[in-house]
């Protein structure tokens, strides 16, 4: 947990960035090891990978269509190609897993959680709907869904 001192505020400040979704140098240092290296052979990579990741973060935070990506980022086709390639290769899953485990260790907890919490919810459904049951405890006719966190 970050204690918001003057130093911490400066480290996490987003001032001076082009967009609020752009990464700071510290954030890029955490992400950079997960960016796949350029392929061997062929033309050398000319695209700035930090800008590609910034473009992906812009799309995710703005919730806009690919075609609405501002011109200051690499071409939409380039960003989209990297996004789909990395998603298919599991880059984002690995990045998320490793960063979450690292954060847990920094906080003094085990890297992987050893317990979970189960919760359920009963939802009413229509008469003509598909499968339905009856939750006697809550006296609800419908579906019951469960989640583990």
N, C-alpha and C. Protein backbone atom coordinates (compact mmCIF):
# COMPACT_ATOMS: atom_id res chain seq x y z
N UNK A 1 0.84 -1.17 0.00
CA UNK A 1 0.00 0.00 0.00
C UNK A 1 0.89 1.24 0.00
N UNK A 2 0.53 2.21 -0.82
CA UNK A 2 1.33 3.42 -0.96
C UNK A 2 0.87 4.46 0.06
N UNK A 3 1.83 4.98 0.81
CA UNK A 3 1.54 6.10 1.69
C UNK A 3 1.76 7.36 0.87
N UNK A 4 0.76 8.21 0.79
CA UNK A 4 0.83 9.36 -0.11
C UNK A 4 1.61 10.51 0.52
N UNK A 5 2.93 10.40 0.39
CA UNK A 5 3.82 11.48 0.81
C UNK A 5 4.12 12.32 -0.43
N UNK A 6 4.83 13.40 -0.25
CA UNK A 6 5.19 14.25 -1.39
C UNK A 6 6.01 13.49 -2.42
N UNK A 7 6.93 12.64 -1.94
CA UNK A 7 7.77 11.86 -2.85
C UNK A 7 6.93 10.85 -3.63
N UNK A 8 6.03 10.15 -2.94
CA UNK A 8 5.18 9.16 -3.61
C UNK A 8 4.28 9.83 -4.64
N UNK A 9 3.77 11.00 -4.32
CA UNK A 9 2.91 11.72 -5.27
C UNK A 9 3.68 12.08 -6.54
N UNK A 10 4.94 12.51 -6.39
CA UNK A 10 5.75 12.84 -7.56
C UNK A 10 6.04 11.60 -8.39
N UNK A 11 6.34 10.47 -7.72
CA UNK A 11 6.63 9.23 -8.44
C UNK A 11 5.44 8.74 -9.25
N UNK A 12 4.24 8.92 -8.72
CA UNK A 12 3.04 8.40 -9.37
C UNK A 12 2.27 9.48 -10.13
N UNK A 13 2.85 10.65 -10.26
CA UNK A 13 2.17 11.75 -10.94
C UNK A 13 2.03 11.45 -12.43
N UNK A 14 0.90 11.82 -12.99
CA UNK A 14 0.65 11.62 -14.41
C UNK A 14 0.78 12.95 -15.16
N UNK A 15 1.22 13.99 -14.45
CA UNK A 15 1.41 15.29 -15.10
C UNK A 15 2.55 15.19 -16.10
N UNK A 16 2.40 15.89 -17.20
CA UNK A 16 3.42 15.87 -18.23
C UNK A 16 3.24 14.75 -19.24
N UNK A 17 2.32 13.83 -18.97
CA UNK A 17 2.04 12.78 -19.93
C UNK A 17 1.04 13.30 -20.96
N UNK A 18 1.13 12.79 -22.17
CA UNK A 18 0.24 13.21 -23.24
C UNK A 18 -1.21 12.89 -22.93
N UNK A 19 -1.46 11.65 -22.47
CA UNK A 19 -2.79 11.19 -22.10
C UNK A 19 -2.70 10.55 -20.71
N UNK A 20 -3.78 10.57 -19.95
CA UNK A 20 -3.75 9.92 -18.63
C UNK A 20 -3.45 8.43 -18.70
N UNK A 21 -3.70 7.81 -19.84
CA UNK A 21 -3.46 6.38 -19.99
C UNK A 21 -2.00 6.06 -20.31
N UNK A 22 -1.19 7.06 -20.67
CA UNK A 22 0.22 6.82 -21.00
C UNK A 22 0.97 6.33 -19.76
N UNK A 23 1.97 5.48 -20.00
CA UNK A 23 2.76 4.92 -18.91
C UNK A 23 3.87 5.86 -18.47
N UNK A 24 4.14 5.85 -17.19
CA UNK A 24 5.30 6.57 -16.66
C UNK A 24 6.54 5.70 -16.93
N UNK A 25 7.72 6.27 -16.71
CA UNK A 25 8.95 5.50 -16.91
C UNK A 25 9.00 4.28 -15.99
N UNK A 26 8.53 4.45 -14.76
CA UNK A 26 8.52 3.33 -13.81
C UNK A 26 7.59 2.21 -14.25
N UNK A 27 6.41 2.59 -14.76
CA UNK A 27 5.46 1.57 -15.25
C UNK A 27 6.03 0.85 -16.46
N UNK A 28 6.67 1.59 -17.36
CA UNK A 28 7.26 0.97 -18.55
C UNK A 28 8.38 0.01 -18.15
N UNK A 29 9.15 0.35 -17.12
CA UNK A 29 10.22 -0.54 -16.65
C UNK A 29 9.65 -1.87 -16.17
N UNK A 30 8.44 -1.86 -15.60
CA UNK A 30 7.81 -3.11 -15.16
C UNK A 30 7.27 -3.92 -16.33
N UNK A 31 6.78 -3.24 -17.37
CA UNK A 31 6.13 -3.91 -18.50
C UNK A 31 7.14 -4.39 -19.54
N UNK A 32 8.22 -3.64 -19.72
CA UNK A 32 9.18 -3.90 -20.80
C UNK A 32 9.69 -5.34 -20.87
N UNK A 33 9.99 -6.01 -19.75
CA UNK A 33 10.49 -7.39 -19.86
C UNK A 33 9.49 -8.36 -20.49
N UNK A 34 8.22 -8.02 -20.50
CA UNK A 34 7.20 -8.92 -21.04
C UNK A 34 6.96 -8.70 -22.53
N UNK A 35 7.48 -7.60 -23.08
CA UNK A 35 7.29 -7.32 -24.50
C UNK A 35 8.16 -8.29 -25.30
N UNK A 36 7.55 -9.08 -26.19
CA UNK A 36 8.33 -10.04 -26.96
C UNK A 36 9.40 -9.34 -27.80
N UNK A 37 10.58 -9.95 -27.92
CA UNK A 37 11.64 -9.33 -28.72
C UNK A 37 11.29 -9.36 -30.20
N UNK A 38 11.99 -8.53 -30.96
CA UNK A 38 11.77 -8.51 -32.41
C UNK A 38 12.18 -9.85 -33.01
N UNK A 39 11.50 -10.24 -34.08
CA UNK A 39 11.83 -11.50 -34.74
C UNK A 39 13.20 -11.39 -35.40
N UNK A 40 13.90 -12.51 -35.42
CA UNK A 40 15.22 -12.54 -36.04
C UNK A 40 15.05 -12.61 -37.55
N UNK A 41 15.94 -11.96 -38.25
CA UNK A 41 15.87 -11.94 -39.71
C UNK A 41 14.88 -10.88 -40.18
N UNK A 42 14.93 -10.59 -41.44
CA UNK A 42 14.01 -9.60 -41.98
C UNK A 42 14.41 -8.19 -41.59
N UNK A 43 13.49 -7.27 -41.79
CA UNK A 43 13.78 -5.88 -41.45
C UNK A 43 13.77 -5.68 -39.94
N UNK A 44 14.62 -4.80 -39.46
CA UNK A 44 14.61 -4.52 -38.02
C UNK A 44 13.33 -3.78 -37.63
N UNK A 45 12.92 -3.97 -36.39
CA UNK A 45 11.71 -3.32 -35.88
C UNK A 45 11.95 -1.81 -35.79
N UNK A 46 11.03 -1.04 -36.35
CA UNK A 46 11.14 0.42 -36.29
C UNK A 46 10.08 1.03 -35.38
N UNK A 47 9.10 0.25 -34.97
CA UNK A 47 8.01 0.74 -34.14
C UNK A 47 8.45 0.81 -32.69
N UNK A 48 8.15 1.92 -32.03
CA UNK A 48 8.44 2.09 -30.60
C UNK A 48 7.41 1.28 -29.82
N UNK A 49 7.85 0.23 -29.15
CA UNK A 49 6.93 -0.67 -28.45
C UNK A 49 6.25 0.02 -27.27
N UNK A 50 6.90 0.99 -26.67
CA UNK A 50 6.24 1.72 -25.58
C UNK A 50 5.03 2.47 -26.13
N UNK A 51 5.14 3.02 -27.32
CA UNK A 51 4.01 3.72 -27.93
C UNK A 51 2.90 2.74 -28.32
N UNK A 52 3.27 1.54 -28.71
CA UNK A 52 2.26 0.51 -29.01
C UNK A 52 1.47 0.18 -27.75
N UNK A 53 2.18 -0.02 -26.63
CA UNK A 53 1.50 -0.33 -25.37
C UNK A 53 0.66 0.86 -24.92
N UNK A 54 1.19 2.08 -25.07
CA UNK A 54 0.41 3.28 -24.73
C UNK A 54 -0.86 3.35 -25.56
N UNK A 55 -0.78 2.99 -26.83
CA UNK A 55 -1.97 2.99 -27.70
C UNK A 55 -2.98 1.96 -27.22
N UNK A 56 -2.51 0.78 -26.83
CA UNK A 56 -3.42 -0.25 -26.31
C UNK A 56 -4.11 0.24 -25.03
N UNK A 57 -3.35 0.89 -24.16
CA UNK A 57 -3.92 1.42 -22.92
C UNK A 57 -4.91 2.54 -23.21
N UNK A 58 -4.63 3.35 -24.24
CA UNK A 58 -5.56 4.42 -24.62
C UNK A 58 -6.89 3.82 -25.07
N UNK A 59 -6.83 2.80 -25.94
CA UNK A 59 -8.05 2.15 -26.43
C UNK A 59 -8.83 1.55 -25.26
N UNK A 60 -8.11 0.89 -24.35
CA UNK A 60 -8.78 0.25 -23.21
C UNK A 60 -9.42 1.27 -22.27
N UNK A 61 -8.71 2.37 -22.00
CA UNK A 61 -9.25 3.35 -21.06
C UNK A 61 -10.33 4.22 -21.69
N UNK A 62 -10.20 4.54 -22.97
CA UNK A 62 -11.20 5.38 -23.63
C UNK A 62 -12.43 4.56 -24.03
N UNK A 63 -12.24 3.27 -24.21
CA UNK A 63 -13.35 2.42 -24.62
C UNK A 63 -13.81 2.73 -26.03
N UNK A 64 -12.90 3.22 -26.85
CA UNK A 64 -13.28 3.61 -28.21
C UNK A 64 -12.90 2.53 -29.22
N UNK A 65 -13.38 2.70 -30.43
CA UNK A 65 -13.07 1.76 -31.52
C UNK A 65 -11.62 1.96 -31.96
N UNK A 66 -11.07 0.92 -32.57
CA UNK A 66 -9.68 1.00 -33.04
C UNK A 66 -9.49 2.19 -33.96
N UNK A 67 -10.44 2.43 -34.85
CA UNK A 67 -10.28 3.48 -35.86
C UNK A 67 -10.24 4.89 -35.26
N UNK A 68 -10.61 5.03 -33.98
CA UNK A 68 -10.58 6.34 -33.33
C UNK A 68 -9.28 6.61 -32.59
N UNK A 69 -8.28 5.76 -32.78
CA UNK A 69 -6.98 5.96 -32.15
C UNK A 69 -6.34 7.23 -32.70
N UNK A 70 -5.90 8.17 -31.85
CA UNK A 70 -5.30 9.42 -32.33
C UNK A 70 -4.06 9.16 -33.20
N UNK A 71 -3.78 10.09 -34.08
CA UNK A 71 -2.68 9.95 -35.05
C UNK A 71 -1.30 10.01 -34.41
N UNK A 72 -1.21 10.48 -33.16
CA UNK A 72 0.10 10.56 -32.51
C UNK A 72 0.64 9.19 -32.10
N UNK A 73 -0.20 8.16 -32.17
CA UNK A 73 0.22 6.79 -31.88
C UNK A 73 0.65 6.10 -33.17
N UNK A 74 1.29 4.93 -33.07
CA UNK A 74 1.59 4.18 -34.29
C UNK A 74 0.31 3.85 -35.05
N UNK A 75 0.42 3.46 -36.33
CA UNK A 75 -0.78 3.15 -37.11
C UNK A 75 -1.67 2.12 -36.42
N UNK A 76 -2.97 2.29 -36.60
CA UNK A 76 -3.95 1.40 -35.98
C UNK A 76 -3.68 -0.05 -36.34
N UNK A 77 -3.36 -0.30 -37.60
CA UNK A 77 -3.12 -1.69 -38.04
C UNK A 77 -1.94 -2.31 -37.29
N UNK A 78 -0.93 -1.52 -37.00
CA UNK A 78 0.24 -2.02 -36.27
C UNK A 78 -0.13 -2.35 -34.82
N UNK A 79 -0.82 -1.43 -34.17
CA UNK A 79 -1.21 -1.63 -32.77
C UNK A 79 -2.13 -2.83 -32.66
N UNK A 80 -3.09 -2.94 -33.56
CA UNK A 80 -4.05 -4.05 -33.54
C UNK A 80 -3.33 -5.38 -33.77
N UNK A 81 -2.38 -5.40 -34.71
CA UNK A 81 -1.64 -6.64 -35.00
C UNK A 81 -0.87 -7.11 -33.77
N UNK A 82 -0.17 -6.18 -33.10
CA UNK A 82 0.55 -6.55 -31.88
C UNK A 82 -0.41 -7.01 -30.79
N UNK A 83 -1.53 -6.32 -30.63
CA UNK A 83 -2.50 -6.69 -29.60
C UNK A 83 -2.98 -8.12 -29.81
N UNK A 84 -3.42 -8.44 -31.02
CA UNK A 84 -3.94 -9.78 -31.28
C UNK A 84 -2.85 -10.85 -31.17
N UNK A 85 -1.64 -10.53 -31.61
CA UNK A 85 -0.53 -11.49 -31.50
C UNK A 85 -0.20 -11.76 -30.04
N UNK A 86 -0.11 -10.71 -29.24
CA UNK A 86 0.22 -10.88 -27.82
C UNK A 86 -0.90 -11.57 -27.07
N UNK A 87 -2.14 -11.24 -27.41
CA UNK A 87 -3.26 -11.90 -26.76
C UNK A 87 -3.24 -13.40 -27.07
N UNK A 88 -2.99 -13.73 -28.33
CA UNK A 88 -2.94 -15.14 -28.73
C UNK A 88 -1.78 -15.89 -28.10
N UNK A 89 -0.67 -15.20 -27.88
CA UNK A 89 0.51 -15.83 -27.28
C UNK A 89 0.45 -15.87 -25.76
N UNK A 90 -0.57 -15.25 -25.16
CA UNK A 90 -0.71 -15.27 -23.71
C UNK A 90 0.17 -14.27 -22.98
N UNK A 91 0.68 -13.27 -23.70
CA UNK A 91 1.57 -12.28 -23.09
C UNK A 91 0.87 -11.54 -21.95
N UNK A 92 -0.37 -11.14 -22.16
CA UNK A 92 -1.09 -10.37 -21.14
C UNK A 92 -1.38 -11.21 -19.90
N UNK A 93 -1.68 -12.49 -20.09
CA UNK A 93 -1.93 -13.38 -18.95
C UNK A 93 -0.68 -13.55 -18.11
N UNK A 94 0.45 -13.79 -18.78
CA UNK A 94 1.72 -13.95 -18.06
C UNK A 94 2.08 -12.66 -17.33
N UNK A 95 1.93 -11.53 -18.02
CA UNK A 95 2.23 -10.23 -17.42
C UNK A 95 1.39 -10.01 -16.16
N UNK A 96 0.11 -10.27 -16.26
CA UNK A 96 -0.79 -10.07 -15.12
C UNK A 96 -0.42 -10.99 -13.96
N UNK A 97 -0.18 -12.26 -14.26
CA UNK A 97 0.15 -13.23 -13.21
C UNK A 97 1.43 -12.84 -12.48
N UNK A 98 2.48 -12.53 -13.23
CA UNK A 98 3.77 -12.20 -12.62
C UNK A 98 3.68 -10.91 -11.81
N UNK A 99 3.02 -9.89 -12.36
CA UNK A 99 2.92 -8.62 -11.64
C UNK A 99 2.09 -8.74 -10.37
N UNK A 100 1.01 -9.51 -10.42
CA UNK A 100 0.19 -9.71 -9.22
C UNK A 100 0.99 -10.47 -8.16
N UNK A 101 1.71 -11.51 -8.59
CA UNK A 101 2.52 -12.28 -7.64
C UNK A 101 3.61 -11.40 -7.02
N UNK A 102 4.24 -10.56 -7.84
CA UNK A 102 5.29 -9.66 -7.33
C UNK A 102 4.71 -8.68 -6.31
N UNK A 103 3.55 -8.13 -6.61
CA UNK A 103 2.91 -7.19 -5.69
C UNK A 103 2.56 -7.87 -4.37
N UNK A 104 2.05 -9.09 -4.44
CA UNK A 104 1.71 -9.83 -3.22
C UNK A 104 2.95 -10.04 -2.36
N UNK A 105 4.08 -10.37 -2.99
CA UNK A 105 5.32 -10.58 -2.24
C UNK A 105 5.82 -9.27 -1.62
N UNK A 106 5.70 -8.17 -2.36
CA UNK A 106 6.10 -6.86 -1.82
C UNK A 106 5.27 -6.51 -0.60
N UNK A 107 3.98 -6.88 -0.64
CA UNK A 107 3.09 -6.60 0.49
C UNK A 107 3.27 -7.58 1.64
N UNK A 108 4.20 -8.54 1.50
CA UNK A 108 4.48 -9.49 2.57
C UNK A 108 3.52 -10.67 2.61
N UNK A 109 2.83 -10.93 1.51
CA UNK A 109 1.91 -12.07 1.46
C UNK A 109 2.51 -13.15 0.57
N UNK A 110 1.90 -14.33 0.61
CA UNK A 110 2.34 -15.40 -0.28
C UNK A 110 2.07 -14.99 -1.72
N UNK A 111 2.94 -15.45 -2.63
CA UNK A 111 2.79 -15.07 -4.04
C UNK A 111 1.46 -15.54 -4.60
N UNK A 112 1.03 -16.74 -4.23
CA UNK A 112 -0.25 -17.27 -4.70
C UNK A 112 -1.19 -17.40 -3.52
N UNK A 113 -2.43 -16.97 -3.69
CA UNK A 113 -3.37 -17.10 -2.57
C UNK A 113 -3.62 -18.56 -2.23
N UNK A 114 -3.79 -18.84 -0.95
CA UNK A 114 -4.00 -20.22 -0.51
C UNK A 114 -5.46 -20.49 -0.16
N UNK A 115 -6.29 -19.47 -0.23
CA UNK A 115 -7.69 -19.65 0.13
C UNK A 115 -8.55 -18.78 -0.77
N UNK A 116 -9.80 -19.13 -0.87
CA UNK A 116 -10.75 -18.36 -1.66
C UNK A 116 -12.05 -18.20 -0.89
N UNK A 117 -12.87 -17.29 -1.34
CA UNK A 117 -14.17 -17.06 -0.73
C UNK A 117 -15.23 -17.40 -1.76
N UNK A 118 -16.19 -18.21 -1.36
CA UNK A 118 -17.27 -18.62 -2.25
C UNK A 118 -18.52 -17.82 -1.90
N UNK A 119 -19.20 -17.34 -2.93
CA UNK A 119 -20.45 -16.62 -2.72
C UNK A 119 -21.44 -17.09 -3.77
N UNK A 120 -22.71 -16.95 -3.47
CA UNK A 120 -23.74 -17.34 -4.43
C UNK A 120 -24.81 -16.26 -4.49
N UNK A 121 -25.54 -16.29 -5.59
CA UNK A 121 -26.61 -15.32 -5.79
C UNK A 121 -27.75 -16.02 -6.51
N UNK A 122 -28.96 -15.82 -6.04
CA UNK A 122 -30.15 -16.37 -6.70
C UNK A 122 -30.77 -15.27 -7.55
N UNK A 123 -31.06 -15.61 -8.80
CA UNK A 123 -31.59 -14.65 -9.75
C UNK A 123 -32.92 -15.15 -10.28
N UNK A 124 -33.94 -14.32 -10.22
CA UNK A 124 -35.25 -14.70 -10.74
C UNK A 124 -35.19 -14.75 -12.26
N UNK A 125 -35.89 -15.74 -12.84
CA UNK A 125 -35.97 -15.85 -14.29
C UNK A 125 -37.44 -15.86 -14.70
N UNK A 126 -37.67 -15.71 -15.99
CA UNK A 126 -39.05 -15.72 -16.49
C UNK A 126 -39.57 -17.14 -16.55
N UNK A 127 -40.85 -17.27 -16.65
CA UNK A 127 -41.49 -18.59 -16.73
C UNK A 127 -41.04 -19.34 -17.97
N UNK A 128 -40.94 -18.62 -19.12
CA UNK A 128 -40.64 -19.28 -20.38
C UNK A 128 -39.15 -19.46 -20.63
N UNK A 129 -38.32 -19.04 -19.70
CA UNK A 129 -36.88 -19.16 -19.87
C UNK A 129 -36.42 -20.60 -19.90
N UNK A 130 -35.14 -20.80 -20.06
CA UNK A 130 -34.58 -22.14 -20.13
C UNK A 130 -34.60 -22.84 -18.79
N UNK A 131 -33.44 -23.32 -18.39
CA UNK A 131 -33.33 -24.06 -17.14
C UNK A 131 -33.60 -23.15 -15.95
N UNK A 132 -34.34 -23.66 -14.99
CA UNK A 132 -34.55 -22.91 -13.75
C UNK A 132 -34.80 -23.91 -12.64
N UNK A 133 -34.59 -23.45 -11.45
CA UNK A 133 -34.79 -24.30 -10.28
C UNK A 133 -35.43 -23.48 -9.18
N UNK A 134 -35.34 -23.99 -7.96
CA UNK A 134 -35.96 -23.28 -6.84
C UNK A 134 -34.97 -23.27 -5.69
N UNK A 135 -34.64 -22.07 -5.20
CA UNK A 135 -33.77 -21.92 -4.05
C UNK A 135 -34.66 -21.81 -2.82
N UNK A 136 -34.76 -22.92 -2.07
CA UNK A 136 -35.68 -22.97 -0.93
C UNK A 136 -35.25 -22.02 0.18
N UNK A 137 -33.95 -21.80 0.33
CA UNK A 137 -33.47 -20.92 1.39
C UNK A 137 -33.92 -19.48 1.16
N UNK A 138 -33.88 -19.04 -0.09
CA UNK A 138 -34.25 -17.66 -0.39
C UNK A 138 -35.65 -17.56 -1.00
N UNK A 139 -36.27 -18.73 -1.21
CA UNK A 139 -37.61 -18.79 -1.79
C UNK A 139 -37.67 -18.06 -3.13
N UNK A 140 -36.71 -18.39 -4.01
CA UNK A 140 -36.63 -17.75 -5.32
C UNK A 140 -36.65 -18.83 -6.39
N UNK A 141 -37.52 -18.67 -7.39
CA UNK A 141 -37.54 -19.57 -8.54
C UNK A 141 -36.68 -18.92 -9.61
N UNK A 142 -35.69 -19.62 -10.06
CA UNK A 142 -34.80 -19.06 -11.07
C UNK A 142 -33.48 -19.80 -11.13
N UNK A 143 -32.42 -19.05 -11.28
CA UNK A 143 -31.08 -19.62 -11.40
C UNK A 143 -30.23 -19.19 -10.22
N UNK A 144 -29.25 -20.03 -9.93
CA UNK A 144 -28.32 -19.71 -8.85
C UNK A 144 -26.93 -19.70 -9.45
N UNK A 145 -26.17 -18.65 -9.20
CA UNK A 145 -24.80 -18.58 -9.72
C UNK A 145 -23.83 -18.46 -8.56
N UNK A 146 -22.64 -19.01 -8.76
CA UNK A 146 -21.62 -19.06 -7.71
C UNK A 146 -20.34 -18.42 -8.23
N UNK A 147 -19.56 -17.87 -7.33
CA UNK A 147 -18.28 -17.28 -7.69
C UNK A 147 -17.27 -17.54 -6.58
N UNK A 148 -16.01 -17.75 -6.98
CA UNK A 148 -14.92 -17.90 -6.03
C UNK A 148 -13.96 -16.74 -6.27
N UNK A 149 -13.64 -16.01 -5.21
CA UNK A 149 -12.68 -14.91 -5.34
C UNK A 149 -11.52 -15.14 -4.41
